[in-house]
Structure formats: C-alpha cells, structure tokens
C-alpha cells in the first residue's frame, strides 16, 4: 500500500489495514493522530504540516530499511544456492551484484 492510500485512510479515520509493514503502520497511526489533533484544534495547521513532514521523512527512511531487510533474504537465498551448486560463476556474479545494490556500492 502506498503512502497516498495510507494518508487517505488516516484522514478518513479508517481502520488500519491488515498486513502493513512496520513503517506503514507507524505512518498510518501518526498521520491519523495528526488529522484528529488538527480537527480538534489541538494543533495549528502549520504545526501539523511540520510534524507531517517529519512523519513522511521517517516513513521514507523506514521503507528504505524494509527494502534492505528483504534484500538480505534474497542474498541469503543466493548464497545458499551457491553453496548447494558448488559455486557456479553466473550465480556468483548475480549474488555479488545483488550485494553491491543493497550496499549502494
């Protein structure tokens, strides 16, 4: 689920969807809280904008970490395949490319 859909649900005070990644859950809960606080006049529009910008920033960072985490599982699978296949050249190169991508080398 993308951030726009999460935001739409949070603004409408909808039920948090099942199966969200942690960064998506955190974004949803924070956005929903900001909308409720603004609607109740607990915070100003400017304060809500500043805080929402930080929430979006943390969502994006969490998404990067989540993608990195899942990428490590792919590396693990490749390394297990290398071990099982006795290290063939094509698979070695593919694995090294994946590691470089994950590490942003």
PDB file of N, CA and C in Angstrom:
ATOM      1  N   UNK A   1       0.852  -1.163   0.000  1.00  0.00           N
ATOM      2  CA  UNK A   1       0.000   0.000   0.000  1.00  0.00           C
ATOM      3  C   UNK A   1       0.903   1.233   0.000  1.00  0.00           C
ATOM      4  N   UNK A   2       0.584   2.213  -0.837  1.00  0.00           N
ATOM      5  CA  UNK A   2       1.448   3.383  -0.912  1.00  0.00           C
ATOM      6  C   UNK A   2       1.028   4.445   0.113  1.00  0.00           C
ATOM      7  N   UNK A   3       1.873   5.446   0.262  1.00  0.00           N
ATOM      8  CA  UNK A   3       1.680   6.463   1.287  1.00  0.00           C
ATOM      9  C   UNK A   3       0.411   7.285   1.041  1.00  0.00           C
ATOM     10  N   UNK A   4       0.063   7.509  -0.215  1.00  0.00           N
ATOM     11  CA  UNK A   4      -1.156   8.272  -0.516  1.00  0.00           C
ATOM     12  C   UNK A   4      -2.403   7.535  -0.043  1.00  0.00           C
ATOM     13  N   UNK A   5      -2.432   6.233  -0.257  1.00  0.00           N
ATOM     14  CA  UNK A   5      -3.583   5.430   0.193  1.00  0.00           C
ATOM     15  C   UNK A   5      -3.639   5.390   1.718  1.00  0.00           C
ATOM     16  N   UNK A   6      -2.483   5.242   2.365  1.00  0.00           N
ATOM     17  CA  UNK A   6      -2.450   5.259   3.828  1.00  0.00           C
ATOM     18  C   UNK A   6      -2.953   6.605   4.352  1.00  0.00           C
ATOM     19  N   UNK A   7      -2.530   7.676   3.697  1.00  0.00           N
ATOM     20  CA  UNK A   7      -2.935   9.008   4.113  1.00  0.00           C
ATOM     21  C   UNK A   7      -4.449   9.200   3.957  1.00  0.00           C
ATOM     22  N   UNK A   8      -4.990   8.724   2.850  1.00  0.00           N
ATOM     23  CA  UNK A   8      -6.432   8.829   2.614  1.00  0.00           C
ATOM     24  C   UNK A   8      -7.213   8.099   3.705  1.00  0.00           C
ATOM     25  N   UNK A   9      -6.750   6.893   4.039  1.00  0.00           N
ATOM     26  CA  UNK A   9      -7.421   6.128   5.092  1.00  0.00           C
ATOM     27  C   UNK A   9      -7.287   6.809   6.451  1.00  0.00           C
ATOM     28  N   UNK A  10      -6.100   7.333   6.734  1.00  0.00           N
ATOM     29  CA  UNK A  10      -5.862   8.001   8.018  1.00  0.00           C
ATOM     30  C   UNK A  10      -6.731   9.255   8.134  1.00  0.00           C
ATOM     31  N   UNK A  11      -6.823  10.019   7.060  1.00  0.00           N
ATOM     32  CA  UNK A  11      -7.628  11.240   7.086  1.00  0.00           C
ATOM     33  C   UNK A  11      -9.103  10.918   7.313  1.00  0.00           C
ATOM     34  N   UNK A  12      -9.566   9.815   6.746  1.00  0.00           N
ATOM     35  CA  UNK A  12     -10.951   9.394   6.927  1.00  0.00           C
ATOM     36  C   UNK A  12     -11.179   8.601   8.196  1.00  0.00           C
ATOM     37  N   UNK A  13     -10.136   8.466   9.028  1.00  0.00           N
ATOM     38  CA  UNK A  13     -10.215   7.731  10.289  1.00  0.00           C
ATOM     39  C   UNK A  13     -10.613   6.277  10.076  1.00  0.00           C
ATOM     40  N   UNK A  14     -10.161   5.715   8.940  1.00  0.00           N
ATOM     41  CA  UNK A  14     -10.464   4.326   8.634  1.00  0.00           C
ATOM     42  C   UNK A  14      -9.681   3.358   9.498  1.00  0.00           C
ATOM     43  N   UNK A  15     -10.097   2.125   9.451  1.00  0.00           N
ATOM     44  CA  UNK A  15      -9.411   1.066  10.188  1.00  0.00           C
ATOM     45  C   UNK A  15      -8.081   0.779   9.505  1.00  0.00           C
ATOM     46  N   UNK A  16      -7.037   0.616  10.306  1.00  0.00           N
ATOM     47  CA  UNK A  16      -5.727   0.318   9.744  1.00  0.00           C
ATOM     48  C   UNK A  16      -5.784  -1.042   9.042  1.00  0.00           C
ATOM     49  N   UNK A  17      -5.362  -1.096   7.780  1.00  0.00           N
ATOM     50  CA  UNK A  17      -5.391  -2.365   7.047  1.00  0.00           C
ATOM     51  C   UNK A  17      -4.471  -3.413   7.678  1.00  0.00           C
ATOM     52  N   UNK A  18      -4.848  -4.661   7.526  1.00  0.00           N
ATOM     53  CA  UNK A  18      -4.005  -5.767   7.991  1.00  0.00           C
ATOM     54  C   UNK A  18      -2.799  -5.915   7.074  1.00  0.00           C
ATOM     55  N   UNK A  19      -1.742  -6.471   7.617  1.00  0.00           N
ATOM     56  CA  UNK A  19      -0.587  -6.851   6.812  1.00  0.00           C
ATOM     57  C   UNK A  19       0.357  -5.730   6.435  1.00  0.00           C
ATOM     58  N   UNK A  20       0.245  -4.581   7.074  1.00  0.00           N
ATOM     59  CA  UNK A  20       1.153  -3.482   6.755  1.00  0.00           C
ATOM     60  C   UNK A  20       2.521  -3.730   7.367  1.00  0.00           C
ATOM     61  N   UNK A  21       3.548  -3.275   6.663  1.00  0.00           N
ATOM     62  CA  UNK A  21       4.909  -3.306   7.216  1.00  0.00           C
ATOM     63  C   UNK A  21       4.969  -2.297   8.361  1.00  0.00           C
ATOM     64  N   UNK A  22       5.973  -2.423   9.200  1.00  0.00           N
ATOM     65  CA  UNK A  22       6.069  -1.572  10.378  1.00  0.00           C
ATOM     66  C   UNK A  22       6.096  -0.088  10.015  1.00  0.00           C
ATOM     67  N   UNK A  23       6.849   0.297   8.982  1.00  0.00           N
ATOM     68  CA  UNK A  23       6.915   1.713   8.617  1.00  0.00           C
ATOM     69  C   UNK A  23       5.560   2.222   8.126  1.00  0.00           C
ATOM     70  N   UNK A  24       4.776   1.351   7.510  1.00  0.00           N
ATOM     71  CA  UNK A  24       3.441   1.732   7.061  1.00  0.00           C
ATOM     72  C   UNK A  24       2.489   1.891   8.257  1.00  0.00           C
ATOM     73  N   UNK A  25       2.599   0.994   9.212  1.00  0.00           N
ATOM     74  CA  UNK A  25       1.772   1.091  10.420  1.00  0.00           C
ATOM     75  C   UNK A  25       2.074   2.382  11.174  1.00  0.00           C
ATOM     76  N   UNK A  26       3.361   2.661  11.335  1.00  0.00           N
ATOM     77  CA  UNK A  26       3.766   3.869  12.066  1.00  0.00           C
ATOM     78  C   UNK A  26       3.270   5.123  11.354  1.00  0.00           C
ATOM     79  N   UNK A  27       3.393   5.140  10.042  1.00  0.00           N
ATOM     80  CA  UNK A  27       2.917   6.297   9.288  1.00  0.00           C
ATOM     81  C   UNK A  27       1.411   6.458   9.469  1.00  0.00           C
ATOM     82  N   UNK A  28       0.684   5.378   9.312  1.00  0.00           N
ATOM     83  CA  UNK A  28      -0.778   5.435   9.410  1.00  0.00           C
ATOM     84  C   UNK A  28      -1.211   5.981  10.764  1.00  0.00           C
ATOM     85  N   UNK A  29      -0.657   5.433  11.825  1.00  0.00           N
ATOM     86  CA  UNK A  29      -1.041   5.845  13.174  1.00  0.00           C
ATOM     87  C   UNK A  29      -0.674   7.311  13.422  1.00  0.00           C
ATOM     88  N   UNK A  30       0.520   7.714  12.997  1.00  0.00           N
ATOM     89  CA  UNK A  30       0.939   9.103  13.194  1.00  0.00           C
ATOM     90  C   UNK A  30       0.076  10.061  12.374  1.00  0.00           C
ATOM     91  N   UNK A  31      -0.181   9.721  11.124  1.00  0.00           N
ATOM     92  CA  UNK A  31      -0.990  10.593  10.270  1.00  0.00           C
ATOM     93  C   UNK A  31      -2.414  10.708  10.810  1.00  0.00           C
ATOM     94  N   UNK A  32      -2.975   9.592  11.221  1.00  0.00           N
ATOM     95  CA  UNK A  32      -4.330   9.620  11.774  1.00  0.00           C
ATOM     96  C   UNK A  32      -4.383  10.511  13.019  1.00  0.00           C
ATOM     97  N   UNK A  33      -3.368  10.392  13.856  1.00  0.00           N
ATOM     98  CA  UNK A  33      -3.306  11.232  15.050  1.00  0.00           C
ATOM     99  C   UNK A  33      -3.182  12.712  14.715  1.00  0.00           C
ATOM    100  N   UNK A  34      -2.368  13.043  13.741  1.00  0.00           N
ATOM    101  CA  UNK A  34      -2.226  14.443  13.341  1.00  0.00           C
ATOM    102  C   UNK A  34      -3.542  15.001  12.803  1.00  0.00           C
ATOM    103  N   UNK A  35      -4.224  14.224  11.967  1.00  0.00           N
ATOM    104  CA  UNK A  35      -5.514  14.682  11.450  1.00  0.00           C
ATOM    105  C   UNK A  35      -6.514  14.917  12.582  1.00  0.00           C
ATOM    106  N   UNK A  36      -6.572  13.988  13.538  1.00  0.00           N
ATOM    107  CA  UNK A  36      -7.508  14.143  14.654  1.00  0.00           C
ATOM    108  C   UNK A  36      -7.142  15.357  15.506  1.00  0.00           C
ATOM    109  N   UNK A  37      -5.845  15.551  15.768  1.00  0.00           N
ATOM    110  CA  UNK A  37      -5.425  16.686  16.588  1.00  0.00           C
ATOM    111  C   UNK A  37      -5.724  18.009  15.896  1.00  0.00           C
ATOM    112  N   UNK A  38      -5.511  18.052  14.604  1.00  0.00           N
ATOM    113  CA  UNK A  38      -5.825  19.275  13.863  1.00  0.00           C
ATOM    114  C   UNK A  38      -7.336  19.527  13.852  1.00  0.00           C
ATOM    115  N   UNK A  39      -8.106  18.481  13.579  1.00  0.00           N
ATOM    116  CA  UNK A  39      -9.570  18.627  13.556  1.00  0.00           C
ATOM    117  C   UNK A  39     -10.130  19.108  14.905  1.00  0.00           C
ATOM    118  N   UNK A  40      -9.481  18.704  15.979  1.00  0.00           N
ATOM    119  CA  UNK A  40      -9.945  19.087  17.320  1.00  0.00           C
ATOM    120  C   UNK A  40      -9.328  20.417  17.784  1.00  0.00           C
ATOM    121  N   UNK A  41      -8.588  21.074  16.914  1.00  0.00           N
ATOM    122  CA  UNK A  41      -7.924  22.354  17.228  1.00  0.00           C
ATOM    123  C   UNK A  41      -6.890  22.243  18.349  1.00  0.00           C
ATOM    124  N   UNK A  42      -6.286  21.056  18.482  1.00  0.00           N
ATOM    125  CA  UNK A  42      -5.200  20.902  19.451  1.00  0.00           C
ATOM    126  C   UNK A  42      -3.891  21.412  18.881  1.00  0.00           C
ATOM    127  N   UNK A  43      -3.763  21.367  17.557  1.00  0.00           N
ATOM    128  CA  UNK A  43      -2.556  21.859  16.896  1.00  0.00           C
ATOM    129  C   UNK A  43      -2.979  22.745  15.725  1.00  0.00           C
ATOM    130  N   UNK A  44      -2.063  23.640  15.356  1.00  0.00           N
ATOM    131  CA  UNK A  44      -2.334  24.530  14.226  1.00  0.00           C
ATOM    132  C   UNK A  44      -2.027  23.824  12.916  1.00  0.00           C
ATOM    133  N   UNK A  45      -2.480  24.425  11.830  1.00  0.00           N
ATOM    134  CA  UNK A  45      -2.183  23.883  10.510  1.00  0.00           C
ATOM    135  C   UNK A  45      -0.680  23.867  10.275  1.00  0.00           C
ATOM    136  N   UNK A  46      -0.007  24.929  10.661  1.00  0.00           N
ATOM    137  CA  UNK A  46       1.453  24.987  10.483  1.00  0.00           C
ATOM    138  C   UNK A  46       2.150  23.883  11.278  1.00  0.00           C
ATOM    139  N   UNK A  47       1.734  23.682  12.498  1.00  0.00           N
ATOM    140  CA  UNK A  47       2.321  22.619  13.321  1.00  0.00           C
ATOM    141  C   UNK A  47       2.053  21.258  12.692  1.00  0.00           C
ATOM    142  N   UNK A  48       0.847  21.049  12.207  1.00  0.00           N
ATOM    143  CA  UNK A  48       0.502  19.782  11.560  1.00  0.00           C
ATOM    144  C   UNK A  48       1.371  19.553  10.323  1.00  0.00           C
ATOM    145  N   UNK A  49       1.607  20.596   9.544  1.00  0.00           N
ATOM    146  CA  UNK A  49       2.442  20.469   8.341  1.00  0.00           C
ATOM    147  C   UNK A  49       3.874  20.107   8.696  1.00  0.00           C
ATOM    148  N   UNK A  50       4.421  20.770   9.708  1.00  0.00           N
ATOM    149  CA  UNK A  50       5.796  20.496  10.140  1.00  0.00           C
ATOM    150  C   UNK A  50       5.921  19.056  10.635  1.00  0.00           C
ATOM    151  N   UNK A  51       4.980  18.649  11.464  1.00  0.00           N
ATOM    152  CA  UNK A  51       5.033  17.292  12.021  1.00  0.00           C
ATOM    153  C   UNK A  51       4.782  16.238  10.948  1.00  0.00           C
ATOM    154  N   UNK A  52       3.874  16.530  10.032  1.00  0.00           N
ATOM    155  CA  UNK A  52       3.618  15.563   8.956  1.00  0.00           C
ATOM    156  C   UNK A  52       4.841  15.403   8.067  1.00  0.00           C
ATOM    157  N   UNK A  53       5.566  16.485   7.809  1.00  0.00           N
ATOM    158  CA  UNK A  53       6.793  16.390   7.013  1.00  0.00           C
ATOM    159  C   UNK A  53       7.790  15.439   7.678  1.00  0.00           C
ATOM    160  N   UNK A  54       7.886  15.499   8.988  1.00  0.00           N
ATOM    161  CA  UNK A  54       8.790  14.600   9.715  1.00  0.00           C
ATOM    162  C   UNK A  54       8.293  13.158   9.647  1.00  0.00           C
ATOM    163  N   UNK A  55       6.983  12.981   9.747  1.00  0.00           N
ATOM    164  CA  UNK A  55       6.396  11.638   9.656  1.00  0.00           C
ATOM    165  C   UNK A  55       6.665  11.038   8.264  1.00  0.00           C
ATOM    166  N   UNK A  56       6.512  11.843   7.229  1.00  0.00           N
ATOM    167  CA  UNK A  56       6.786  11.380   5.864  1.00  0.00           C
ATOM    168  C   UNK A  56       8.256  11.006   5.719  1.00  0.00           C
ATOM    169  N   UNK A  57       9.131  11.840   6.264  1.00  0.00           N
ATOM    170  CA  UNK A  57      10.576  11.562   6.216  1.00  0.00           C
ATOM    171  C   UNK A  57      10.898  10.220   6.888  1.00  0.00           C
ATOM    172  N   UNK A  58      10.306   9.984   8.044  1.00  0.00           N
ATOM    173  CA  UNK A  58      10.552   8.726   8.750  1.00  0.00           C
ATOM    174  C   UNK A  58       9.947   7.535   8.017  1.00  0.00           C
ATOM    175  N   UNK A  59       8.801   7.742   7.373  1.00  0.00           N
ATOM    176  CA  UNK A  59       8.209   6.691   6.549  1.00  0.00           C
ATOM    177  C   UNK A  59       9.174   6.295   5.427  1.00  0.00           C
ATOM    178  N   UNK A  60       9.730   7.285   4.751  1.00  0.00           N
ATOM    179  CA  UNK A  60      10.640   7.011   3.641  1.00  0.00           C
ATOM    180  C   UNK A  60      11.897   6.288   4.115  1.00  0.00           C
ATOM    181  N   UNK A  61      12.422   6.688   5.258  1.00  0.00           N
ATOM    182  CA  UNK A  61      13.589   6.014   5.816  1.00  0.00           C
ATOM    183  C   UNK A  61      13.238   4.571   6.207  1.00  0.00           C
ATOM    184  N   UNK A  62      12.085   4.396   6.822  1.00  0.00           N
ATOM    185  CA  UNK A  62      11.640   3.048   7.183  1.00  0.00           C
ATOM    186  C   UNK A  62      11.436   2.167   5.967  1.00  0.00           C
ATOM    187  N   UNK A  63      10.934   2.744   4.893  1.00  0.00           N
ATOM    188  CA  UNK A  63      10.735   1.987   3.655  1.00  0.00           C
ATOM    189  C   UNK A  63      12.073   1.517   3.092  1.00  0.00           C
ATOM    190  N   UNK A  64      13.079   2.395   3.121  1.00  0.00           N
ATOM    191  CA  UNK A  64      14.419   2.004   2.654  1.00  0.00           C
ATOM    192  C   UNK A  64      14.964   0.849   3.497  1.00  0.00           C
ATOM    193  N   UNK A  65      14.810   0.959   4.804  1.00  0.00           N
ATOM    194  CA  UNK A  65      15.307  -0.090   5.693  1.00  0.00           C
ATOM    195  C   UNK A  65      14.567  -1.401   5.459  1.00  0.00           C
ATOM    196  N   UNK A  66      13.267  -1.321   5.236  1.00  0.00           N
ATOM    197  CA  UNK A  66      12.458  -2.506   4.969  1.00  0.00           C
ATOM    198  C   UNK A  66      12.920  -3.187   3.680  1.00  0.00           C
ATOM    199  N   UNK A  67      13.140  -2.394   2.636  1.00  0.00           N
ATOM    200  CA  UNK A  67      13.602  -2.952   1.363  1.00  0.00           C
ATOM    201  C   UNK A  67      14.983  -3.585   1.513  1.00  0.00           C
ATOM    202  N   UNK A  68      15.850  -2.951   2.298  1.00  0.00           N
ATOM    203  CA  UNK A  68      17.177  -3.509   2.561  1.00  0.00           C
ATOM    204  C   UNK A  68      17.052  -4.840   3.295  1.00  0.00           C
ATOM    205  N   UNK A  69      16.193  -4.867   4.294  1.00  0.00           N
ATOM    206  CA  UNK A  69      15.965  -6.085   5.072  1.00  0.00           C
ATOM    207  C   UNK A  69      15.532  -7.233   4.171  1.00  0.00           C
ATOM    208  N   UNK A  70      14.543  -6.987   3.298  1.00  0.00           N
ATOM    209  CA  UNK A  70      14.075  -8.045   2.410  1.00  0.00           C
ATOM    210  C   UNK A  70      15.135  -8.403   1.376  1.00  0.00           C
ATOM    211  N   UNK A  71      15.946  -7.453   0.987  1.00  0.00           N
ATOM    212  CA  UNK A  71      17.042  -7.738   0.072  1.00  0.00           C
ATOM    213  C   UNK A  71      18.051  -8.696   0.688  1.00  0.00           C
ATOM    214  N   UNK A  72      18.235  -8.607   1.983  1.00  0.00           N
ATOM    215  CA  UNK A  72      19.161  -9.522   2.658  1.00  0.00           C
ATOM    216  C   UNK A  72      18.676 -10.968   2.575  1.00  0.00           C
ATOM    217  N   UNK A  73      17.364 -11.156   2.602  1.00  0.00           N
ATOM    218  CA  UNK A  73      16.833 -12.506   2.424  1.00  0.00           C
ATOM    219  C   UNK A  73      17.153 -13.034   1.033  1.00  0.00           C
ATOM    220  N   UNK A  74      17.092 -12.167   0.039  1.00  0.00           N
ATOM    221  CA  UNK A  74      17.429 -12.578  -1.317  1.00  0.00           C
ATOM    222  C   UNK A  74      18.911 -12.957  -1.403  1.00  0.00           C
ATOM    223  N   UNK A  75      19.770 -12.180  -0.738  1.00  0.00           N
ATOM    224  CA  UNK A  75      21.203 -12.503  -0.697  1.00  0.00           C
ATOM    225  C   UNK A  75      21.401 -13.855  -0.019  1.00  0.00           C
ATOM    226  N   UNK A  76      20.692 -14.071   1.080  1.00  0.00           N
ATOM    227  CA  UNK A  76      20.809 -15.341   1.793  1.00  0.00           C
ATOM    228  C   UNK A  76      20.417 -16.504   0.887  1.00  0.00           C
ATOM    229  N   UNK A  77      19.330 -16.350   0.138  1.00  0.00           N
ATOM    230  CA  UNK A  77      18.894 -17.400  -0.784  1.00  0.00           C
ATOM    231  C   UNK A  77      19.955 -17.674  -1.849  1.00  0.00           C
ATOM    232  N   UNK A  78      20.548 -16.617  -2.381  1.00  0.00           N
ATOM    233  CA  UNK A  78      21.588 -16.777  -3.410  1.00  0.00           C
ATOM    234  C   UNK A  78      22.816 -17.482  -2.837  1.00  0.00           C
ATOM    235  N   UNK A  79      23.195 -17.103  -1.630  1.00  0.00           N
ATOM    236  CA  UNK A  79      24.364 -17.735  -1.015  1.00  0.00           C
ATOM    237  C   UNK A  79      24.102 -19.217  -0.733  1.00  0.00           C
ATOM    238  N   UNK A  80      22.879 -19.531  -0.323  1.00  0.00           N
ATOM    239  CA  UNK A  80      22.544 -20.941  -0.102  1.00  0.00           C
ATOM    240  C   UNK A  80      22.574 -21.708  -1.424  1.00  0.00           C
ATOM    241  N   UNK A  81      22.105 -21.074  -2.494  1.00  0.00           N
ATOM    242  CA  UNK A  81      22.147 -21.712  -3.814  1.00  0.00           C
ATOM    243  C   UNK A  81      23.592 -21.902  -4.266  1.00  0.00           C
ATOM    244  N   UNK A  82      24.437 -20.914  -4.008  1.00  0.00           N
ATOM    245  CA  UNK A  82      25.858 -21.045  -4.356  1.00  0.00           C
ATOM    246  C   UNK A  82      26.481 -22.228  -3.623  1.00  0.00           C
ATOM    247  N   UNK A  83      26.189 -22.339  -2.364  1.00  0.00           N
ATOM    248  CA  UNK A  83      26.733 -23.437  -1.565  1.00  0.00           C
ATOM    249  C   UNK A  83      26.248 -24.780  -2.101  1.00  0.00           C
ATOM    250  N   UNK A  84      24.955 -24.863  -2.429  1.00  0.00           N
ATOM    251  CA  UNK A  84      24.385 -26.108  -2.934  1.00  0.00           C
ATOM    252  C   UNK A  84      24.907 -26.469  -4.322  1.00  0.00           C
ATOM    253  N   UNK A  85      25.135 -25.452  -5.175  1.00  0.00           N
ATOM    254  CA  UNK A  85      25.576 -25.686  -6.551  1.00  0.00           C
ATOM    255  C   UNK A  85      27.081 -25.796  -6.693  1.00  0.00           C
ATOM    256  N   UNK A  86      27.797 -25.617  -5.619  1.00  0.00           N
ATOM    257  CA  UNK A  86      29.249 -25.700  -5.709  1.00  0.00           C
ATOM    258  C   UNK A  86      29.863 -24.460  -6.338  1.00  0.00           C
ATOM    259  N   UNK A  87      29.220 -23.322  -6.196  1.00  0.00           N
ATOM    260  CA  UNK A  87      29.734 -22.044  -6.660  1.00  0.00           C
ATOM    261  C   UNK A  87      29.946 -21.987  -8.169  1.00  0.00           C
ATOM    262  N   UNK A  88      28.849 -21.742  -8.912  1.00  0.00           N
ATOM    263  CA  UNK A  88      28.999 -21.545 -10.357  1.00  0.00           C
ATOM    264  C   UNK A  88      29.152 -20.057 -10.646  1.00  0.00           C
ATOM    265  N   UNK A  89      29.839 -19.725 -11.689  1.00  0.00           N
ATOM    266  CA  UNK A  89      30.229 -18.353 -11.978  1.00  0.00           C
ATOM    267  C   UNK A  89      29.035 -17.404 -12.159  1.00  0.00           C
ATOM    268  N   UNK A  90      28.022 -17.799 -12.930  1.00  0.00           N
ATOM    269  CA  UNK A  90      26.880 -16.920 -13.180  1.00  0.00           C
ATOM    270  C   UNK A  90      26.173 -16.562 -11.881  1.00  0.00           C
ATOM    271  N   UNK A  91      25.979 -17.534 -11.016  1.00  0.00           N
ATOM    272  CA  UNK A  91      25.299 -17.282  -9.753  1.00  0.00           C
ATOM    273  C   UNK A  91      26.163 -16.430  -8.826  1.00  0.00           C
ATOM    274  N   UNK A  92      27.475 -16.638  -8.862  1.00  0.00           N
ATOM    275  CA  UNK A  92      28.377 -15.814  -8.052  1.00  0.00           C
ATOM    276  C   UNK A  92      28.278 -14.348  -8.457  1.00  0.00           C
ATOM    277  N   UNK A  93      28.300 -14.078  -9.750  1.00  0.00           N
ATOM    278  CA  UNK A  93      28.217 -12.705 -10.253  1.00  0.00           C
ATOM    279  C   UNK A  93      26.874 -12.087  -9.865  1.00  0.00           C
ATOM    280  N   UNK A  94      25.801 -12.835 -10.040  1.00  0.00           N
ATOM    281  CA  UNK A  94      24.471 -12.341  -9.688  1.00  0.00           C
ATOM    282  C   UNK A  94      24.395 -12.008  -8.202  1.00  0.00           C
ATOM    283  N   UNK A  95      24.987 -12.834  -7.374  1.00  0.00           N
ATOM    284  CA  UNK A  95      24.981 -12.609  -5.932  1.00  0.00           C
ATOM    285  C   UNK A  95      25.794 -11.373  -5.572  1.00  0.00           C
ATOM    286  N   UNK A  96      26.960 -11.228  -6.160  1.00  0.00           N
ATOM    287  CA  UNK A  96      27.791 -10.055  -5.892  1.00  0.00           C
ATOM    288  C   UNK A  96      27.099  -8.772  -6.355  1.00  0.00           C
ATOM    289  N   UNK A  97      26.419  -8.817  -7.494  1.00  0.00           N
ATOM    290  CA  UNK A  97      25.677  -7.647  -7.975  1.00  0.00           C
ATOM    291  C   UNK A  97      24.563  -7.272  -7.003  1.00  0.00           C
ATOM    292  N   UNK A  98      23.900  -8.273  -6.469  1.00  0.00           N
ATOM    293  CA  UNK A  98      22.829  -8.022  -5.507  1.00  0.00           C
ATOM    294  C   UNK A  98      23.391  -7.392  -4.230  1.00  0.00           C
ATOM    295  N   UNK A  99      24.512  -7.881  -3.765  1.00  0.00           N
ATOM    296  CA  UNK A  99      25.147  -7.316  -2.574  1.00  0.00           C
ATOM    297  C   UNK A  99      25.560  -5.873  -2.833  1.00  0.00           C
ATOM    298  N   UNK A 100      26.136  -5.608  -3.993  1.00  0.00           N
ATOM    299  CA  UNK A 100      26.513  -4.232  -4.335  1.00  0.00           C
ATOM    300  C   UNK A 100      25.298  -3.315  -4.358  1.00  0.00           C
ATOM    301  N   UNK A 101      24.198  -3.796  -4.905  1.00  0.00           N
ATOM    302  CA  UNK A 101      22.964  -3.000  -4.965  1.00  0.00           C
ATOM    303  C   UNK A 101      22.466  -2.683  -3.562  1.00  0.00           C
ATOM    304  N   UNK A 102      22.464  -3.678  -2.692  1.00  0.00           N
ATOM    305  CA  UNK A 102      21.997  -3.469  -1.327  1.00  0.00           C
ATOM    306  C   UNK A 102      22.879  -2.504  -0.548  1.00  0.00           C
ATOM    307  N   UNK A 103      24.158  -2.591  -0.792  1.00  0.00           N
ATOM    308  CA  UNK A 103      25.101  -1.734  -0.063  1.00  0.00           C
ATOM    309  C   UNK A 103      25.329  -0.410  -0.758  1.00  0.00           C
ATOM    310  N   UNK A 104      24.706  -0.221  -1.915  1.00  0.00           N
ATOM    311  CA  UNK A 104      24.842   1.024  -2.689  1.00  0.00           C
ATOM    312  C   UNK A 104      26.297   1.340  -2.993  1.00  0.00           C
ATOM    313  N   UNK A 105      27.029   0.317  -3.421  1.00  0.00           N
ATOM    314  CA  UNK A 105      28.468   0.492  -3.726  1.00  0.00           C
ATOM    315  C   UNK A 105      28.611   1.098  -5.109  1.00  0.00           C
TER     316      UNK A 105
END
